[in-house]
Amino acid sequence: MTWKIGSWARPGSNSEKIAARISDRCGIEVINFRSHPDAIMPAQLLIVTPNHGDAEVQEDVEKFLVARGREINQWIVLEIGNYYGFDDWGY
């Protein structure tokens, strides 16, 4: 099985830049599922996505992963954004 990077990012965003950096360093192909939601799903996927609010995955990303997640054998979600409250565990 071969890992691929799935990006759910707008052009020029931090998520896109991080996905590209991982791709360059590891030699892994990037698939932008935001612009190509019907692309062939790899067996192993690292998806790089922004988050909202209190570290929530965007609703469109969540719907995509629920709809297509069963096509993936192994996956990792790397959320990029603000994580409020991790310095205050009572948050």
Protein backbone atom coordinates (compact mmCIF):
# COMPACT_ATOMS: atom_id res chain seq x y z
CA MET A 1 0.00 0.00 0.00
CA THR A 2 1.12 3.52 -0.74
CA TRP A 3 0.36 6.59 1.32
CA LYS A 4 -1.03 9.72 -0.35
CA ILE A 5 -1.64 13.17 1.05
CA GLY A 6 -5.18 14.43 0.77
CA SER A 7 -5.56 18.16 1.03
CA TRP A 8 -8.77 20.02 1.76
CA ALA A 9 -7.31 23.46 1.28
CA ARG A 10 -7.78 26.70 -0.55
CA PRO A 11 -4.96 27.79 -2.87
CA GLY A 12 -2.20 29.52 -0.93
CA SER A 13 -3.55 28.48 2.48
CA ASN A 14 -1.38 27.19 5.33
CA SER A 15 -2.93 23.74 4.91
CA GLU A 16 -1.94 23.66 1.24
CA LYS A 17 1.60 24.81 2.07
CA ILE A 18 1.99 22.18 4.79
CA ALA A 19 0.67 19.42 2.51
CA ALA A 20 3.15 20.51 -0.18
CA ARG A 21 6.01 20.56 2.33
CA ILE A 22 5.22 17.03 3.52
CA SER A 23 4.94 15.95 -0.11
CA ASP A 24 8.34 17.44 -0.99
CA ARG A 25 10.09 15.94 2.04
CA CYS A 26 8.53 12.48 1.81
CA GLY A 27 7.97 12.13 -1.92
CA ILE A 28 4.24 11.55 -1.48
CA GLU A 29 1.63 12.66 -4.02
CA VAL A 30 -0.90 15.31 -2.96
CA ILE A 31 -4.54 15.05 -4.02
CA ASN A 32 -6.69 18.14 -3.39
CA PHE A 33 -10.03 16.59 -2.51
CA ARG A 34 -11.58 20.03 -2.04
CA SER A 35 -11.26 20.72 -5.76
CA HIS A 36 -11.46 17.03 -6.84
CA PRO A 37 -13.92 15.32 -4.44
CA ASP A 38 -14.44 12.38 -6.80
CA ALA A 39 -10.73 11.54 -7.13
CA ILE A 40 -9.72 7.93 -6.58
CA MET A 41 -9.27 7.33 -2.87
CA PRO A 42 -5.93 5.76 -1.88
CA ALA A 43 -5.74 2.86 0.57
CA GLN A 44 -3.69 4.99 2.98
CA LEU A 45 -4.37 8.69 3.40
CA LEU A 46 -2.97 11.59 5.40
CA ILE A 47 -5.54 14.37 5.02
CA VAL A 48 -4.42 17.92 5.79
CA THR A 49 -7.30 20.25 6.58
CA PRO A 50 -8.00 23.52 8.36
CA ASN A 51 -10.22 23.55 11.42
CA HIS A 52 -12.73 25.99 12.84
CA GLY A 53 -13.67 27.27 16.26
CA ASP A 54 -12.69 24.90 19.04
CA ALA A 55 -10.59 22.63 16.82
CA GLU A 56 -13.55 21.36 14.84
CA VAL A 57 -13.08 19.89 11.40
CA GLN A 58 -14.96 21.88 8.77
CA GLU A 59 -18.45 20.52 8.10
CA ASP A 60 -17.72 19.86 4.42
CA VAL A 61 -14.58 17.88 5.37
CA GLU A 62 -16.54 15.87 7.91
CA LYS A 63 -19.22 15.04 5.32
CA PHE A 64 -16.53 14.02 2.84
CA LEU A 65 -14.81 11.72 5.34
CA VAL A 66 -18.10 10.14 6.43
CA ALA A 67 -19.13 9.57 2.81
CA ARG A 68 -15.81 8.22 1.55
CA GLY A 69 -13.90 7.10 4.65
CA ARG A 70 -14.77 3.43 4.18
CA GLU A 71 -12.72 3.44 0.98
CA ILE A 72 -9.56 4.00 3.05
CA ASN A 73 -7.73 1.24 4.96
CA GLN A 74 -5.64 3.60 7.10
CA TRP A 75 -5.99 7.33 7.55
CA ILE A 76 -4.66 10.21 9.57
CA VAL A 77 -6.28 13.64 9.88
CA LEU A 78 -3.87 16.54 10.37
CA GLU A 79 -5.86 19.62 11.34
CA ILE A 80 -4.21 22.99 10.90
CA GLY A 81 -5.51 25.97 12.85
CA ASN A 82 -6.20 27.38 16.26
CA TYR A 83 -6.54 25.06 19.20
CA TYR A 84 -8.06 27.05 22.01
CA GLY A 85 -7.98 25.63 25.49
CA PHE A 86 -5.11 23.13 25.32
CA ASP A 87 -3.20 25.24 27.82
CA ASP A 88 -6.24 25.14 30.14
CA TRP A 89 -7.54 21.57 30.48
CA GLY A 90 -10.67 22.83 32.22
CA TYR A 91 -11.68 24.79 29.11
